[in-house]
C-alpha atoms as a PDB file:
ATOM      1  CA  MET A   1      21.618  45.640 -62.348  1.00  0.00           C
ATOM      2  CA  SER A   2      23.852  43.609 -59.631  1.00  0.00           C
ATOM      3  CA  VAL A   3      25.813  40.372 -60.286  1.00  0.00           C
ATOM      4  CA  ASP A   4      22.894  38.724 -58.690  1.00  0.00           C
ATOM      5  CA  GLN A   5      19.861  40.333 -60.809  1.00  0.00           C
ATOM      6  CA  ILE A   6      22.118  39.188 -64.015  1.00  0.00           C
ATOM      7  CA  PHE A   7      22.588  35.670 -63.232  1.00  0.00           C
ATOM      8  CA  GLN A   8      18.902  35.316 -62.301  1.00  0.00           C
ATOM      9  CA  LYS A   9      17.886  36.924 -65.797  1.00  0.00           C
ATOM     10  CA  LEU A  10      20.338  34.207 -67.522  1.00  0.00           C
ATOM     11  CA  GLU A  11      18.711  31.876 -65.453  1.00  0.00           C
ATOM     12  CA  GLN A  12      15.159  33.158 -66.579  1.00  0.00           C
ATOM     13  CA  ASN A  13      16.522  33.035 -70.281  1.00  0.00           C
ATOM     14  CA  PHE A  14      17.740  29.520 -70.654  1.00  0.00           C
ATOM     15  CA  ASN A  15      16.908  27.940 -73.381  1.00  0.00           C
ATOM     16  CA  ALA A  16      15.726  24.215 -72.291  1.00  0.00           C
ATOM     17  CA  ASP A  17      15.668  22.878 -75.915  1.00  0.00           C
ATOM     18  CA  ALA A  18      19.262  23.770 -76.983  1.00  0.00           C
ATOM     19  CA  ALA A  19      20.307  21.737 -73.370  1.00  0.00           C
ATOM     20  CA  GLN A  20      19.219  18.074 -74.152  1.00  0.00           C
ATOM     21  CA  GLY A  21      21.203  15.688 -73.404  1.00  0.00           C
ATOM     22  CA  LEU A  22      23.707  17.907 -72.141  1.00  0.00           C
ATOM     23  CA  ASP A  23      25.802  17.593 -68.564  1.00  0.00           C
ATOM     24  CA  LEU A  24      27.549  20.692 -67.951  1.00  0.00           C
ATOM     25  CA  VAL A  25      28.993  23.039 -65.318  1.00  0.00           C
ATOM     26  CA  PHE A  26      29.593  26.421 -66.473  1.00  0.00           C
ATOM     27  CA  GLN A  27      31.521  28.424 -63.447  1.00  0.00           C
ATOM     28  CA  PHE A  28      31.693  32.207 -63.425  1.00  0.00           C
ATOM     29  CA  ASP A  29      34.586  33.576 -60.890  1.00  0.00           C
ATOM     30  CA  ILE A  30      33.059  37.639 -61.340  1.00  0.00           C
ATOM     31  CA  GLU A  31      36.483  39.124 -59.748  1.00  0.00           C
ATOM     32  CA  ASP A  32      34.829  42.187 -58.562  1.00  0.00           C
ATOM     33  CA  ASP A  33      32.121  40.053 -56.731  1.00  0.00           C
ATOM     34  CA  LYS A  34      31.719  36.557 -55.992  1.00  0.00           C
ATOM     35  CA  THR A  35      31.850  33.004 -58.184  1.00  0.00           C
ATOM     36  CA  HIS A  36      28.953  31.779 -59.263  1.00  0.00           C
ATOM     37  CA  HIS A  37      28.079  28.212 -61.266  1.00  0.00           C
ATOM     38  CA  LEU A  38      25.074  27.032 -63.510  1.00  0.00           C
ATOM     39  CA  VAL A  39      23.933  23.412 -63.864  1.00  0.00           C
ATOM     40  CA  ILE A  40      23.026  22.175 -66.747  1.00  0.00           C
ATOM     41  CA  LYS A  41      21.735  19.037 -67.311  1.00  0.00           C
ATOM     42  CA  ASP A  42      18.720  17.026 -69.540  1.00  0.00           C
ATOM     43  CA  GLY A  43      17.333  20.360 -70.020  1.00  0.00           C
ATOM     44  CA  THR A  44      17.655  22.159 -66.610  1.00  0.00           C
ATOM     45  CA  CYS A  45      19.648  24.533 -65.832  1.00  0.00           C
ATOM     46  CA  THR A  46      20.101  25.720 -61.911  1.00  0.00           C
ATOM     47  CA  LEU A  47      21.749  28.724 -60.405  1.00  0.00           C
ATOM     48  CA  HIS A  48      24.061  28.129 -57.390  1.00  0.00           C
ATOM     49  CA  ASP A  49      26.362  30.378 -55.864  1.00  0.00           C
ATOM     50  CA  GLY A  50      29.916  29.608 -55.106  1.00  0.00           C
ATOM     51  CA  PRO A  51      32.403  27.757 -56.561  1.00  0.00           C
ATOM     52  CA  HIS A  52      31.372  24.077 -57.914  1.00  0.00           C
ATOM     53  CA  ASP A  53      34.505  21.523 -57.558  1.00  0.00           C
ATOM     54  CA  ASP A  54      34.677  20.246 -61.122  1.00  0.00           C
ATOM     55  CA  PRO A  55      33.276  23.015 -63.393  1.00  0.00           C
ATOM     56  CA  SER A  56      33.374  21.754 -67.171  1.00  0.00           C
ATOM     57  CA  VAL A  57      34.471  25.551 -68.006  1.00  0.00           C
ATOM     58  CA  THR A  58      35.318  28.686 -65.811  1.00  0.00           C
ATOM     59  CA  LEU A  59      34.765  32.056 -67.029  1.00  0.00           C
ATOM     60  CA  ILE A  60      36.796  34.401 -65.376  1.00  0.00           C
ATOM     61  CA  MET A  61      35.575  38.242 -65.959  1.00  0.00           C
ATOM     62  CA  ASN A  62      34.718  41.224 -63.831  1.00  0.00           C
ATOM     63  CA  SER A  63      30.789  42.485 -63.322  1.00  0.00           C
ATOM     64  CA  GLU A  64      31.140  44.886 -66.132  1.00  0.00           C
ATOM     65  CA  THR A  65      32.259  42.640 -69.037  1.00  0.00           C
ATOM     66  CA  LEU A  66      29.457  40.336 -67.452  1.00  0.00           C
ATOM     67  CA  GLN A  67      26.868  42.730 -67.736  1.00  0.00           C
ATOM     68  CA  GLY A  68      28.002  43.817 -71.238  1.00  0.00           C
ATOM     69  CA  ILE A  69      28.101  40.362 -72.690  1.00  0.00           C
ATOM     70  CA  VAL A  70      24.444  39.201 -71.244  1.00  0.00           C
ATOM     71  CA  SER A  71      22.709  42.475 -71.967  1.00  0.00           C
ATOM     72  CA  GLY A  72      24.569  42.131 -76.120  1.00  0.00           C
ATOM     73  CA  GLU A  73      26.280  45.051 -75.691  1.00  0.00           C
ATOM     74  CA  THR A  74      29.827  42.993 -75.517  1.00  0.00           C
ATOM     75  CA  ASP A  75      30.455  39.840 -78.240  1.00  0.00           C
ATOM     76  CA  GLY A  76      32.183  37.059 -75.225  1.00  0.00           C
ATOM     77  CA  MET A  77      34.497  36.400 -78.283  1.00  0.00           C
ATOM     78  CA  GLN A  78      35.800  40.001 -78.594  1.00  0.00           C
ATOM     79  CA  ALA A  79      35.979  40.313 -75.088  1.00  0.00           C
ATOM     80  CA  PHE A  80      37.783  36.802 -74.655  1.00  0.00           C
ATOM     81  CA  MET A  81      40.236  38.337 -77.375  1.00  0.00           C
ATOM     82  CA  ALA A  82      40.471  41.880 -75.538  1.00  0.00           C
ATOM     83  CA  GLY A  83      41.839  39.922 -72.378  1.00  0.00           C
ATOM     84  CA  GLN A  84      38.380  40.846 -70.682  1.00  0.00           C
ATOM     85  CA  LEU A  85      37.370  37.292 -70.843  1.00  0.00           C
ATOM     86  CA  ARG A  86      39.743  33.959 -69.401  1.00  0.00           C
ATOM     87  CA  ALA A  87      38.630  30.595 -69.941  1.00  0.00           C
ATOM     88  CA  GLU A  88      39.577  27.860 -68.091  1.00  0.00           C
ATOM     89  CA  GLY A  89      39.191  23.696 -69.089  1.00  0.00           C
ATOM     90  CA  ASP A  90      36.829  23.157 -71.783  1.00  0.00           C
ATOM     91  CA  MET A  91      36.943  26.552 -73.588  1.00  0.00           C
ATOM     92  CA  MET A  92      34.690  25.136 -77.005  1.00  0.00           C
ATOM     93  CA  LEU A  93      31.717  24.955 -73.771  1.00  0.00           C
ATOM     94  CA  ALA A  94      32.047  28.517 -73.588  1.00  0.00           C
ATOM     95  CA  THR A  95      30.965  29.335 -77.422  1.00  0.00           C
ATOM     96  CA  LYS A  96      27.644  27.483 -76.070  1.00  0.00           C
ATOM     97  CA  LEU A  97      26.209  30.159 -73.796  1.00  0.00           C
ATOM     98  CA  GLY A  98      25.084  32.103 -77.156  1.00  0.00           C
ATOM     99  CA  GLU A  99      22.545  28.780 -78.131  1.00  0.00           C
ATOM    100  CA  LEU A 100      21.994  28.088 -74.254  1.00  0.00           C
ATOM    101  CA  PHE A 101      20.971  31.301 -72.774  1.00  0.00           C
ATOM    102  CA  ASN A 102      19.055  33.961 -74.956  1.00  0.00           C
ATOM    103  CA  MET A 103      21.411  36.838 -74.704  1.00  0.00           C
ATOM    104  CA  GLY A 104      20.541  40.688 -75.273  1.00  0.00           C
END
């Protein structure tokens, strides 16, 4: 699955109920591919190519780690502890990804 397909899957598996009242930007810097960001605002999720001017949190990983997390094969916290995933900005927001997207 390509990185673009992974992000399309994320967008399709968005849990709008969990995002009510939120206004966040998750940026994904994929080291061996390109940067994407997801804008979560009042129960909507919009996928954009490229970096955002002021992301709430930036997650840095390679495409293999992204694939594992989205498929449910890799636990995000374990990837973080193993150094496969880095976060910049509000790291606590990274823990919300599991609520906002139905992974696996």
